PDB file of N, CA and C in Angstrom:
ATOM      1  N   UNK A   1       0.821  -1.176   0.003  1.00  0.00           N
ATOM      2  CA  UNK A   1      -0.012  -0.011  -0.002  1.00  0.00           C
ATOM      3  C   UNK A   1       0.855   1.281   0.018  1.00  0.00           C
ATOM      4  N   UNK A   2       1.845   1.288   0.891  1.00  0.00           N
ATOM      5  CA  UNK A   2       2.719   2.470   0.964  1.00  0.00           C
ATOM      6  C   UNK A   2       3.576   2.601  -0.290  1.00  0.00           C
ATOM      7  N   UNK A   3       3.895   1.503  -0.925  1.00  0.00           N
ATOM      8  CA  UNK A   3       4.677   1.503  -2.110  1.00  0.00           C
ATOM      9  C   UNK A   3       3.881   2.202  -3.247  1.00  0.00           C
ATOM     10  N   UNK A   4       2.620   1.938  -3.354  1.00  0.00           N
ATOM     11  CA  UNK A   4       1.809   2.543  -4.386  1.00  0.00           C
ATOM     12  C   UNK A   4       1.620   4.044  -4.186  1.00  0.00           C
ATOM     13  N   UNK A   5       1.559   4.460  -2.896  1.00  0.00           N
ATOM     14  CA  UNK A   5       1.441   5.917  -2.598  1.00  0.00           C
ATOM     15  C   UNK A   5       2.691   6.604  -3.041  1.00  0.00           C
ATOM     16  N   UNK A   6       3.885   6.054  -2.677  1.00  0.00           N
ATOM     17  CA  UNK A   6       5.141   6.714  -3.084  1.00  0.00           C
ATOM     18  C   UNK A   6       5.296   6.710  -4.560  1.00  0.00           C
ATOM     19  N   UNK A   7       4.809   5.703  -5.259  1.00  0.00           N
ATOM     20  CA  UNK A   7       4.887   5.642  -6.691  1.00  0.00           C
ATOM     21  C   UNK A   7       4.019   6.675  -7.327  1.00  0.00           C
ATOM     22  N   UNK A   8       2.849   6.910  -6.761  1.00  0.00           N
ATOM     23  CA  UNK A   8       1.945   7.982  -7.307  1.00  0.00           C
ATOM     24  C   UNK A   8       2.593   9.348  -7.082  1.00  0.00           C
ATOM     25  N   UNK A   9       3.202   9.573  -5.929  1.00  0.00           N
ATOM     26  CA  UNK A   9       3.894  10.879  -5.712  1.00  0.00           C
ATOM     27  C   UNK A   9       5.047  11.026  -6.685  1.00  0.00           C
ATOM     28  N   UNK A  10       5.735   9.975  -6.994  1.00  0.00           N
ATOM     29  CA  UNK A  10       6.844  10.055  -7.974  1.00  0.00           C
ATOM     30  C   UNK A  10       6.354  10.386  -9.312  1.00  0.00           C
ATOM     31  N   UNK A  11       5.190   9.793  -9.684  1.00  0.00           N
ATOM     32  CA  UNK A  11       4.627  10.149 -10.978  1.00  0.00           C
ATOM     33  C   UNK A  11       4.155  11.611 -11.061  1.00  0.00           C
ATOM     34  N   UNK A  12       3.636  12.129  -9.950  1.00  0.00           N
ATOM     35  CA  UNK A  12       3.197  13.516  -9.927  1.00  0.00           C
ATOM     36  C   UNK A  12       4.395  14.471 -10.080  1.00  0.00           C
ATOM     37  N   UNK A  13       5.549  14.108  -9.530  1.00  0.00           N
ATOM     38  CA  UNK A  13       6.697  14.985  -9.545  1.00  0.00           C
ATOM     39  C   UNK A  13       7.581  14.736 -10.747  1.00  0.00           C
ATOM     40  N   UNK A  14       7.317  13.769 -11.488  1.00  0.00           N
ATOM     41  CA  UNK A  14       8.159  13.448 -12.666  1.00  0.00           C
ATOM     42  C   UNK A  14       7.970  14.507 -13.738  1.00  0.00           C
ATOM     43  N   UNK A  15       9.072  14.942 -14.349  1.00  0.00           N
ATOM     44  CA  UNK A  15       8.964  15.942 -15.359  1.00  0.00           C
ATOM     45  C   UNK A  15       8.265  15.403 -16.614  1.00  0.00           C
ATOM     46  N   UNK A  16       7.249  16.146 -17.065  1.00  0.00           N
ATOM     47  CA  UNK A  16       6.476  15.692 -18.210  1.00  0.00           C
ATOM     48  C   UNK A  16       6.867  16.386 -19.497  1.00  0.00           C
ATOM     49  N   UNK A  17       7.694  17.406 -19.410  1.00  0.00           N
ATOM     50  CA  UNK A  17       8.107  18.147 -20.575  1.00  0.00           C
ATOM     51  C   UNK A  17       8.705  19.506 -20.103  1.00  0.00           C
ATOM     52  N   UNK A  18       8.831  20.362 -21.067  1.00  0.00           N
ATOM     53  CA  UNK A  18       9.387  21.674 -20.739  1.00  0.00           C
ATOM     54  C   UNK A  18       8.410  22.501 -19.927  1.00  0.00           C
ATOM     55  N   UNK A  19       8.935  23.227 -18.972  1.00  0.00           N
ATOM     56  CA  UNK A  19       8.109  24.087 -18.102  1.00  0.00           C
ATOM     57  C   UNK A  19       7.989  25.484 -18.698  1.00  0.00           C
ATOM     58  N   UNK A  20       8.690  25.711 -19.777  1.00  0.00           N
ATOM     59  CA  UNK A  20       8.633  27.107 -20.391  1.00  0.00           C
ATOM     60  C   UNK A  20       7.212  27.468 -20.850  1.00  0.00           C
ATOM     61  N   UNK A  21       6.477  26.601 -21.581  1.00  0.00           N
ATOM     62  CA  UNK A  21       5.139  27.013 -21.969  1.00  0.00           C
ATOM     63  C   UNK A  21       4.174  27.264 -20.785  1.00  0.00           C
ATOM     64  N   UNK A  22       4.405  26.474 -19.728  1.00  0.00           N
ATOM     65  CA  UNK A  22       3.590  26.714 -18.549  1.00  0.00           C
ATOM     66  C   UNK A  22       3.896  28.051 -17.908  1.00  0.00           C
ATOM     67  N   UNK A  23       5.154  28.402 -17.860  1.00  0.00           N
ATOM     68  CA  UNK A  23       5.570  29.712 -17.269  1.00  0.00           C
ATOM     69  C   UNK A  23       5.072  30.822 -18.126  1.00  0.00           C
ATOM     70  N   UNK A  24       5.140  30.702 -19.451  1.00  0.00           N
ATOM     71  CA  UNK A  24       4.650  31.758 -20.353  1.00  0.00           C
ATOM     72  C   UNK A  24       3.142  31.933 -20.136  1.00  0.00           C
ATOM     73  N   UNK A  25       2.415  30.789 -20.066  1.00  0.00           N
ATOM     74  CA  UNK A  25       0.982  30.874 -19.779  1.00  0.00           C
ATOM     75  C   UNK A  25       0.683  31.576 -18.470  1.00  0.00           C
ATOM     76  N   UNK A  26       1.446  31.233 -17.415  1.00  0.00           N
ATOM     77  CA  UNK A  26       1.246  31.799 -16.098  1.00  0.00           C
ATOM     78  C   UNK A  26       1.498  33.311 -16.094  1.00  0.00           C
ATOM     79  N   UNK A  27       2.603  33.709 -16.721  1.00  0.00           N
ATOM     80  CA  UNK A  27       2.920  35.130 -16.779  1.00  0.00           C
ATOM     81  C   UNK A  27       1.895  35.878 -17.637  1.00  0.00           C
ATOM     82  N   UNK A  28       1.442  35.285 -18.706  1.00  0.00           N
ATOM     83  CA  UNK A  28       0.397  35.867 -19.533  1.00  0.00           C
ATOM     84  C   UNK A  28      -0.888  36.035 -18.769  1.00  0.00           C
ATOM     85  N   UNK A  29      -1.258  35.031 -17.990  1.00  0.00           N
ATOM     86  CA  UNK A  29      -2.509  35.149 -17.161  1.00  0.00           C
ATOM     87  C   UNK A  29      -2.363  36.217 -16.101  1.00  0.00           C
ATOM     88  N   UNK A  30      -1.198  36.302 -15.478  1.00  0.00           N
ATOM     89  CA  UNK A  30      -1.009  37.381 -14.485  1.00  0.00           C
ATOM     90  C   UNK A  30      -1.097  38.724 -15.155  1.00  0.00           C
ATOM     91  N   UNK A  31      -0.432  38.897 -16.305  1.00  0.00           N
ATOM     92  CA  UNK A  31      -0.529  40.199 -17.006  1.00  0.00           C
ATOM     93  C   UNK A  31      -2.005  40.511 -17.407  1.00  0.00           C
ATOM     94  N   UNK A  32      -2.738  39.531 -17.870  1.00  0.00           N
ATOM     95  CA  UNK A  32      -4.151  39.758 -18.231  1.00  0.00           C
ATOM     96  C   UNK A  32      -4.959  40.186 -17.050  1.00  0.00           C
ATOM     97  N   UNK A  33      -4.723  39.557 -15.908  1.00  0.00           N
ATOM     98  CA  UNK A  33      -5.474  39.952 -14.672  1.00  0.00           C
ATOM     99  C   UNK A  33      -5.098  41.431 -14.325  1.00  0.00           C
ATOM    100  N   UNK A  34      -3.830  41.749 -14.312  1.00  0.00           N
ATOM    101  CA  UNK A  34      -3.454  43.146 -14.027  1.00  0.00           C
ATOM    102  C   UNK A  34      -4.052  44.098 -14.972  1.00  0.00           C
ATOM    103  N   UNK A  35      -4.030  43.719 -16.265  1.00  0.00           N
ATOM    104  CA  UNK A  35      -4.566  44.632 -17.283  1.00  0.00           C
ATOM    105  C   UNK A  35      -6.077  44.888 -17.052  1.00  0.00           C
ATOM    106  N   UNK A  36      -6.882  43.842 -16.861  1.00  0.00           N
ATOM    107  CA  UNK A  36      -8.282  44.030 -16.707  1.00  0.00           C
ATOM    108  C   UNK A  36      -8.722  44.559 -15.414  1.00  0.00           C
ATOM    109  N   UNK A  37      -7.928  44.383 -14.349  1.00  0.00           N
ATOM    110  CA  UNK A  37      -8.270  44.809 -13.029  1.00  0.00           C
ATOM    111  C   UNK A  37      -7.721  46.195 -12.692  1.00  0.00           C
ATOM    112  N   UNK A  38      -6.524  46.464 -13.159  1.00  0.00           N
ATOM    113  CA  UNK A  38      -5.907  47.779 -12.795  1.00  0.00           C
ATOM    114  C   UNK A  38      -5.712  48.745 -13.953  1.00  0.00           C
ATOM    115  N   UNK A  39      -5.106  48.313 -15.026  1.00  0.00           N
ATOM    116  CA  UNK A  39      -4.723  49.250 -16.088  1.00  0.00           C
ATOM    117  C   UNK A  39      -5.867  49.729 -16.873  1.00  0.00           C
ATOM    118  N   UNK A  40      -6.732  48.879 -17.358  1.00  0.00           N
ATOM    119  CA  UNK A  40      -7.872  49.302 -18.225  1.00  0.00           C
ATOM    120  C   UNK A  40      -8.842  50.247 -17.521  1.00  0.00           C
ATOM    121  N   UNK A  41      -9.256  49.932 -16.268  1.00  0.00           N
ATOM    122  CA  UNK A  41     -10.217  50.859 -15.603  1.00  0.00           C
ATOM    123  C   UNK A  41      -9.566  52.227 -15.354  1.00  0.00           C
ATOM    124  N   UNK A  42      -8.262  52.239 -15.052  1.00  0.00           N
ATOM    125  CA  UNK A  42      -7.595  53.496 -14.830  1.00  0.00           C
ATOM    126  C   UNK A  42      -7.511  54.319 -16.122  1.00  0.00           C
ATOM    127  N   UNK A  43      -7.293  53.697 -17.267  1.00  0.00           N
ATOM    128  CA  UNK A  43      -7.287  54.377 -18.544  1.00  0.00           C
ATOM    129  C   UNK A  43      -8.605  54.958 -18.886  1.00  0.00           C
ATOM    130  N   UNK A  44      -9.701  54.173 -18.620  1.00  0.00           N
ATOM    131  CA  UNK A  44     -11.041  54.703 -18.879  1.00  0.00           C
ATOM    132  C   UNK A  44     -11.310  55.886 -17.996  1.00  0.00           C
ATOM    133  N   UNK A  45     -10.962  55.799 -16.707  1.00  0.00           N
ATOM    134  CA  UNK A  45     -11.239  56.918 -15.811  1.00  0.00           C
ATOM    135  C   UNK A  45     -10.456  58.167 -16.221  1.00  0.00           C
ATOM    136  N   UNK A  46      -9.233  57.992 -16.671  1.00  0.00           N
ATOM    137  CA  UNK A  46      -8.400  59.121 -17.104  1.00  0.00           C
ATOM    138  C   UNK A  46      -8.968  59.783 -18.392  1.00  0.00           C
ATOM    139  N   UNK A  47      -9.456  58.928 -19.343  1.00  0.00           N
ATOM    140  CA  UNK A  47     -10.008  59.462 -20.562  1.00  0.00           C
ATOM    141  C   UNK A  47     -11.311  60.211 -20.235  1.00  0.00           C
ATOM    142  N   UNK A  48     -12.116  59.666 -19.353  1.00  0.00           N
ATOM    143  CA  UNK A  48     -13.385  60.296 -18.915  1.00  0.00           C
ATOM    144  C   UNK A  48     -13.118  61.674 -18.309  1.00  0.00           C
ATOM    145  N   UNK A  49     -12.079  61.705 -17.406  1.00  0.00           N
ATOM    146  CA  UNK A  49     -11.743  62.980 -16.768  1.00  0.00           C
ATOM    147  C   UNK A  49     -11.242  64.008 -17.792  1.00  0.00           C
ATOM    148  N   UNK A  50     -10.365  63.566 -18.721  1.00  0.00           N
ATOM    149  CA  UNK A  50      -9.855  64.488 -19.738  1.00  0.00           C
ATOM    150  C   UNK A  50     -11.011  65.057 -20.586  1.00  0.00           C
ATOM    151  N   UNK A  51     -11.978  64.207 -20.953  1.00  0.00           N
ATOM    152  CA  UNK A  51     -13.124  64.664 -21.740  1.00  0.00           C
ATOM    153  C   UNK A  51     -13.965  65.644 -20.988  1.00  0.00           C
ATOM    154  N   UNK A  52     -14.202  65.431 -19.669  1.00  0.00           N
ATOM    155  CA  UNK A  52     -14.958  66.348 -18.893  1.00  0.00           C
ATOM    156  C   UNK A  52     -14.259  67.705 -18.717  1.00  0.00           C
ATOM    157  N   UNK A  53     -12.961  67.663 -18.611  1.00  0.00           N
ATOM    158  CA  UNK A  53     -12.176  68.941 -18.497  1.00  0.00           C
ATOM    159  C   UNK A  53     -12.184  69.662 -19.819  1.00  0.00           C
ATOM    160  N   UNK A  54     -12.132  68.956 -20.945  1.00  0.00           N
ATOM    161  CA  UNK A  54     -12.134  69.621 -22.235  1.00  0.00           C
ATOM    162  C   UNK A  54     -13.491  70.273 -22.519  1.00  0.00           C
ATOM    163  N   UNK A  55     -14.564  69.728 -22.000  1.00  0.00           N
ATOM    164  CA  UNK A  55     -15.911  70.244 -22.298  1.00  0.00           C
ATOM    165  C   UNK A  55     -16.425  71.142 -21.194  1.00  0.00           C
ATOM    166  N   UNK A  56     -15.536  71.764 -20.453  1.00  0.00           N
ATOM    167  CA  UNK A  56     -15.979  72.705 -19.402  1.00  0.00           C
ATOM    168  C   UNK A  56     -16.778  73.837 -20.051  1.00  0.00           C
ATOM    169  N   UNK A  57     -17.719  74.377 -19.277  1.00  0.00           N
ATOM    170  CA  UNK A  57     -18.453  75.577 -19.742  1.00  0.00           C
ATOM    171  C   UNK A  57     -18.703  76.405 -18.556  1.00  0.00           C
ATOM    172  N   UNK A  58     -19.145  77.700 -18.784  1.00  0.00           N
ATOM    173  CA  UNK A  58     -19.399  78.586 -17.718  1.00  0.00           C
ATOM    174  C   UNK A  58     -20.497  78.014 -16.828  1.00  0.00           C
ATOM    175  N   UNK A  59     -20.341  78.171 -15.560  1.00  0.00           N
ATOM    176  CA  UNK A  59     -21.316  77.709 -14.577  1.00  0.00           C
ATOM    177  C   UNK A  59     -20.999  76.337 -14.049  1.00  0.00           C
ATOM    178  N   UNK A  60     -20.048  75.609 -14.553  1.00  0.00           N
ATOM    179  CA  UNK A  60     -19.686  74.275 -14.034  1.00  0.00           C
ATOM    180  C   UNK A  60     -18.929  74.455 -12.752  1.00  0.00           C
ATOM    181  N   UNK A  61     -19.129  73.547 -11.829  1.00  0.00           N
ATOM    182  CA  UNK A  61     -18.432  73.587 -10.567  1.00  0.00           C
ATOM    183  C   UNK A  61     -17.176  72.631 -10.703  1.00  0.00           C
ATOM    184  N   UNK A  62     -16.043  73.104 -10.249  1.00  0.00           N
ATOM    185  CA  UNK A  62     -14.821  72.305 -10.357  1.00  0.00           C
ATOM    186  C   UNK A  62     -14.116  72.287  -8.962  1.00  0.00           C
ATOM    187  N   UNK A  63     -13.247  71.323  -8.894  1.00  0.00           N
ATOM    188  CA  UNK A  63     -12.324  71.243  -7.695  1.00  0.00           C
ATOM    189  C   UNK A  63     -10.928  71.192  -8.243  1.00  0.00           C
ATOM    190  N   UNK A  64     -10.093  72.086  -7.764  1.00  0.00           N
ATOM    191  CA  UNK A  64      -8.684  72.113  -8.218  1.00  0.00           C
ATOM    192  C   UNK A  64      -7.847  71.077  -7.494  1.00  0.00           C
ATOM    193  N   UNK A  65      -6.635  70.836  -7.975  1.00  0.00           N
ATOM    194  CA  UNK A  65      -5.711  69.910  -7.341  1.00  0.00           C
ATOM    195  C   UNK A  65      -5.386  70.346  -5.929  1.00  0.00           C
ATOM    196  N   UNK A  66      -5.458  71.617  -5.670  1.00  0.00           N
ATOM    197  CA  UNK A  66      -5.209  72.159  -4.361  1.00  0.00           C
ATOM    198  C   UNK A  66      -6.364  72.088  -3.417  1.00  0.00           C
ATOM    199  N   UNK A  67      -7.543  71.715  -3.916  1.00  0.00           N
ATOM    200  CA  UNK A  67      -8.693  71.547  -3.065  1.00  0.00           C
ATOM    201  C   UNK A  67      -9.643  72.734  -3.092  1.00  0.00           C
ATOM    202  N   UNK A  68      -9.419  73.678  -3.973  1.00  0.00           N
ATOM    203  CA  UNK A  68     -10.308  74.857  -4.062  1.00  0.00           C
ATOM    204  C   UNK A  68     -11.519  74.491  -4.914  1.00  0.00           C
ATOM    205  N   UNK A  69     -12.683  74.754  -4.368  1.00  0.00           N
ATOM    206  CA  UNK A  69     -13.936  74.511  -5.080  1.00  0.00           C
ATOM    207  C   UNK A  69     -14.480  75.849  -5.600  1.00  0.00           C
ATOM    208  N   UNK A  70     -14.814  75.889  -6.890  1.00  0.00           N
ATOM    209  CA  UNK A  70     -15.272  77.137  -7.473  1.00  0.00           C
ATOM    210  C   UNK A  70     -16.136  76.892  -8.719  1.00  0.00           C
ATOM    211  N   UNK A  71     -16.695  77.975  -9.176  1.00  0.00           N
ATOM    212  CA  UNK A  71     -17.580  77.951 -10.318  1.00  0.00           C
ATOM    213  C   UNK A  71     -16.832  78.623 -11.489  1.00  0.00           C
ATOM    214  N   UNK A  72     -16.919  77.975 -12.677  1.00  0.00           N
ATOM    215  CA  UNK A  72     -16.255  78.541 -13.832  1.00  0.00           C
ATOM    216  C   UNK A  72     -16.938  79.817 -14.287  1.00  0.00           C
ATOM    217  N   UNK A  73     -16.081  80.888 -14.433  1.00  0.00           N
ATOM    218  CA  UNK A  73     -16.605  82.186 -14.860  1.00  0.00           C
ATOM    219  C   UNK A  73     -16.186  82.498 -16.311  1.00  0.00           C
ATOM    220  N   UNK A  74     -14.934  82.172 -16.626  1.00  0.00           N
ATOM    221  CA  UNK A  74     -14.401  82.531 -17.939  1.00  0.00           C
ATOM    222  C   UNK A  74     -13.376  81.408 -18.350  1.00  0.00           C
ATOM    223  N   UNK A  75     -13.375  81.136 -19.642  1.00  0.00           N
ATOM    224  CA  UNK A  75     -12.421  80.164 -20.171  1.00  0.00           C
ATOM    225  C   UNK A  75     -11.606  80.816 -21.295  1.00  0.00           C
ATOM    226  N   UNK A  76     -10.316  80.883 -21.150  1.00  0.00           N
ATOM    227  CA  UNK A  76      -9.449  81.453 -22.164  1.00  0.00           C
ATOM    228  C   UNK A  76      -8.780  80.260 -22.885  1.00  0.00           C
ATOM    229  N   UNK A  77      -9.074  80.108 -24.156  1.00  0.00           N
ATOM    230  CA  UNK A  77      -8.597  78.916 -24.843  1.00  0.00           C
ATOM    231  C   UNK A  77      -7.591  79.208 -25.913  1.00  0.00           C
ATOM    232  N   UNK A  78      -7.410  80.436 -26.355  1.00  0.00           N
ATOM    233  CA  UNK A  78      -6.479  80.729 -27.463  1.00  0.00           C
ATOM    234  C   UNK A  78      -5.452  81.751 -27.030  1.00  0.00           C
ATOM    235  N   UNK A  79      -4.283  81.666 -27.590  1.00  0.00           N
ATOM    236  CA  UNK A  79      -3.197  82.584 -27.303  1.00  0.00           C
ATOM    237  C   UNK A  79      -3.336  83.820 -28.210  1.00  0.00           C
ATOM    238  N   UNK A  80      -2.302  84.665 -28.204  1.00  0.00           N
ATOM    239  CA  UNK A  80      -2.269  85.888 -28.999  1.00  0.00           C
ATOM    240  C   UNK A  80      -2.297  85.611 -30.474  1.00  0.00           C
ATOM    241  N   UNK A  81      -1.682  84.517 -30.929  1.00  0.00           N
ATOM    242  CA  UNK A  81      -1.600  84.195 -32.292  1.00  0.00           C
ATOM    243  C   UNK A  81      -2.838  83.354 -32.779  1.00  0.00           C
ATOM    244  N   UNK A  82      -3.787  83.118 -31.985  1.00  0.00           N
ATOM    245  CA  UNK A  82      -4.978  82.394 -32.344  1.00  0.00           C
ATOM    246  C   UNK A  82      -4.862  80.866 -32.216  1.00  0.00           C
ATOM    247  N   UNK A  83      -3.634  80.403 -31.835  1.00  0.00           N
ATOM    248  CA  UNK A  83      -3.447  78.987 -31.693  1.00  0.00           C
ATOM    249  C   UNK A  83      -3.771  78.597 -30.238  1.00  0.00           C
ATOM    250  N   UNK A  84      -4.436  77.438 -30.104  1.00  0.00           N
ATOM    251  CA  UNK A  84      -4.783  76.993 -28.770  1.00  0.00           C
ATOM    252  C   UNK A  84      -3.591  76.814 -27.921  1.00  0.00           C
ATOM    253  N   UNK A  85      -3.642  77.312 -26.673  1.00  0.00           N
ATOM    254  CA  UNK A  85      -2.501  77.151 -25.749  1.00  0.00           C
ATOM    255  C   UNK A  85      -2.518  75.776 -25.115  1.00  0.00           C
ATOM    256  N   UNK A  86      -1.404  75.296 -24.730  1.00  0.00           N
ATOM    257  CA  UNK A  86      -1.276  74.012 -24.072  1.00  0.00           C
ATOM    258  C   UNK A  86      -1.936  74.045 -22.716  1.00  0.00           C
ATOM    259  N   UNK A  87      -1.662  75.090 -21.950  1.00  0.00           N
ATOM    260  CA  UNK A  87      -2.249  75.208 -20.619  1.00  0.00           C
ATOM    261  C   UNK A  87      -3.320  76.333 -20.631  1.00  0.00           C
ATOM    262  N   UNK A  88      -4.515  75.951 -20.997  1.00  0.00           N
ATOM    263  CA  UNK A  88      -5.583  76.979 -21.006  1.00  0.00           C
ATOM    264  C   UNK A  88      -5.831  77.493 -19.614  1.00  0.00           C
ATOM    265  N   UNK A  89      -6.264  78.710 -19.564  1.00  0.00           N
ATOM    266  CA  UNK A  89      -6.544  79.354 -18.256  1.00  0.00           C
ATOM    267  C   UNK A  89      -8.045  79.379 -18.031  1.00  0.00           C
ATOM    268  N   UNK A  90      -8.492  78.967 -16.858  1.00  0.00           N
ATOM    269  CA  UNK A  90      -9.852  78.948 -16.430  1.00  0.00           C
ATOM    270  C   UNK A  90      -9.966  79.928 -15.284  1.00  0.00           C
ATOM    271  N   UNK A  91     -10.911  80.870 -15.374  1.00  0.00           N
ATOM    272  CA  UNK A  91     -11.139  81.773 -14.257  1.00  0.00           C
ATOM    273  C   UNK A  91     -12.329  81.204 -13.510  1.00  0.00           C
ATOM    274  N   UNK A  92     -12.102  81.017 -12.183  1.00  0.00           N
ATOM    275  CA  UNK A  92     -13.173  80.480 -11.367  1.00  0.00           C
ATOM    276  C   UNK A  92     -13.504  81.509 -10.215  1.00  0.00           C
ATOM    277  N   UNK A  93     -14.707  81.392  -9.715  1.00  0.00           N
ATOM    278  CA  UNK A  93     -15.142  82.200  -8.624  1.00  0.00           C
ATOM    279  C   UNK A  93     -15.383  81.283  -7.409  1.00  0.00           C
ATOM    280  N   UNK A  94     -14.653  81.546  -6.361  1.00  0.00           N
ATOM    281  CA  UNK A  94     -14.810  80.798  -5.127  1.00  0.00           C
ATOM    282  C   UNK A  94     -15.098  81.733  -4.020  1.00  0.00           C
ATOM    283  N   UNK A  95     -16.333  81.723  -3.538  1.00  0.00           N
ATOM    284  CA  UNK A  95     -16.715  82.705  -2.515  1.00  0.00           C
ATOM    285  C   UNK A  95     -16.772  84.072  -3.184  1.00  0.00           C
ATOM    286  N   UNK A  96     -16.060  85.004  -2.653  1.00  0.00           N
ATOM    287  CA  UNK A  96     -16.011  86.344  -3.195  1.00  0.00           C
ATOM    288  C   UNK A  96     -14.733  86.581  -3.993  1.00  0.00           C
ATOM    289  N   UNK A  97     -13.903  85.561  -4.152  1.00  0.00           N
ATOM    290  CA  UNK A  97     -12.624  85.662  -4.888  1.00  0.00           C
ATOM    291  C   UNK A  97     -12.744  85.066  -6.244  1.00  0.00           C
ATOM    292  N   UNK A  98     -11.937  85.650  -7.135  1.00  0.00           N
ATOM    293  CA  UNK A  98     -11.784  85.080  -8.472  1.00  0.00           C
ATOM    294  C   UNK A  98     -10.355  84.581  -8.600  1.00  0.00           C
ATOM    295  N   UNK A  99     -10.173  83.393  -9.163  1.00  0.00           N
ATOM    296  CA  UNK A  99      -8.899  82.810  -9.328  1.00  0.00           C
ATOM    297  C   UNK A  99      -8.697  82.327 -10.760  1.00  0.00           C
ATOM    298  N   UNK A 100      -7.461  82.349 -11.232  1.00  0.00           N
ATOM    299  CA  UNK A 100      -7.128  81.782 -12.541  1.00  0.00           C
ATOM    300  C   UNK A 100      -6.399  80.469 -12.317  1.00  0.00           C
ATOM    301  N   UNK A 101      -6.916  79.442 -12.929  1.00  0.00           N
ATOM    302  CA  UNK A 101      -6.421  78.102 -12.764  1.00  0.00           C
ATOM    303  C   UNK A 101      -6.072  77.527 -14.139  1.00  0.00           C
ATOM    304  N   UNK A 102      -4.984  76.768 -14.205  1.00  0.00           N
ATOM    305  CA  UNK A 102      -4.651  76.048 -15.466  1.00  0.00           C
ATOM    306  C   UNK A 102      -5.575  74.835 -15.582  1.00  0.00           C
ATOM    307  N   UNK A 103      -6.013  74.577 -16.796  1.00  0.00           N
ATOM    308  CA  UNK A 103      -6.970  73.482 -17.050  1.00  0.00           C
ATOM    309  C   UNK A 103      -6.419  72.139 -16.559  1.00  0.00           C
ATOM    310  N   UNK A 104      -5.113  71.973 -16.643  1.00  0.00           N
ATOM    311  CA  UNK A 104      -4.513  70.714 -16.195  1.00  0.00           C
ATOM    312  C   UNK A 104      -4.504  70.479 -14.715  1.00  0.00           C
ATOM    313  N   UNK A 105      -4.819  71.556 -13.944  1.00  0.00           N
ATOM    314  CA  UNK A 105      -4.793  71.471 -12.453  1.00  0.00           C
ATOM    315  C   UNK A 105      -6.225  71.185 -11.932  1.00  0.00           C
ATOM    316  N   UNK A 106      -7.170  70.913 -12.780  1.00  0.00           N
ATOM    317  CA  UNK A 106      -8.501  70.614 -12.351  1.00  0.00           C
ATOM    318  C   UNK A 106      -8.617  69.146 -11.986  1.00  0.00           C
ATOM    319  N   UNK A 107      -8.934  68.846 -10.711  1.00  0.00           N
ATOM    320  CA  UNK A 107      -8.980  67.470 -10.254  1.00  0.00           C
ATOM    321  C   UNK A 107     -10.323  66.857 -10.469  1.00  0.00           C
ATOM    322  N   UNK A 108     -11.372  67.598 -10.352  1.00  0.00           N
ATOM    323  CA  UNK A 108     -12.769  67.028 -10.515  1.00  0.00           C
ATOM    324  C   UNK A 108     -13.660  68.052 -11.111  1.00  0.00           C
ATOM    325  N   UNK A 109     -14.644  67.596 -11.907  1.00  0.00           N
ATOM    326  CA  UNK A 109     -15.600  68.484 -12.475  1.00  0.00           C
ATOM    327  C   UNK A 109     -16.974  67.989 -12.076  1.00  0.00           C
ATOM    328  N   UNK A 110     -17.720  68.892 -11.490  1.00  0.00           N
ATOM    329  CA  UNK A 110     -19.140  68.612 -11.075  1.00  0.00           C
ATOM    330  C   UNK A 110     -20.061  69.071 -12.122  1.00  0.00           C
ATOM    331  N   UNK A 111     -21.307  69.117 -11.801  1.00  0.00           N
ATOM    332  CA  UNK A 111     -22.326  69.595 -12.717  1.00  0.00           C
ATOM    333  C   UNK A 111     -22.352  71.133 -12.687  1.00  0.00           C
ATOM    334  N   UNK A 112     -23.483  71.685 -13.015  1.00  0.00           N
ATOM    335  CA  UNK A 112     -23.656  73.132 -12.916  1.00  0.00           C
ATOM    336  C   UNK A 112     -23.749  73.473 -11.431  1.00  0.00           C
ATOM    337  N   UNK A 113     -23.097  74.620 -11.074  1.00  0.00           N
ATOM    338  CA  UNK A 113     -23.143  75.080  -9.673  1.00  0.00           C
ATOM    339  C   UNK A 113     -24.531  75.500  -9.312  1.00  0.00           C
ATOM    340  N   UNK A 114     -24.935  75.267  -8.076  1.00  0.00           N
ATOM    341  CA  UNK A 114     -26.245  75.703  -7.629  1.00  0.00           C
ATOM    342  C   UNK A 114     -26.332  77.219  -7.561  1.00  0.00           C
ATOM    343  N   UNK A 115     -27.440  77.780  -7.952  1.00  0.00           N
ATOM    344  CA  UNK A 115     -27.629  79.228  -7.896  1.00  0.00           C
ATOM    345  C   UNK A 115     -27.702  79.676  -6.444  1.00  0.00           C
ATOM    346  N   UNK A 116     -26.911  80.704  -6.100  1.00  0.00           N
ATOM    347  CA  UNK A 116     -26.834  81.163  -4.735  1.00  0.00           C
ATOM    348  C   UNK A 116     -27.775  82.315  -4.483  1.00  0.00           C
TER     349      UNK A 116
END
């Protein structure tokens, strides 16, 4: 009885071929899991955020990277030569203050700000 148990363990541990295809499959599976769990959702979220920042309009409520919450008052999208600037300037109103913020520093975009 014990002889057959040891023989079955020996058969389980015996090399059946190259381990390279198994390793490639394992690494591919791990990469696929990381892609679908981490990378792809993050790319979708980033694209959604970029689209919302591009389509800002007056009256939208935003939160800057520094934590300032304000309402969009003015959007400057072109430079002196008529070419779109890389860092557009957004003028926001927060309380009684007006601030100029670069479009790239907007962390979150809400809906239209409630009328005060």
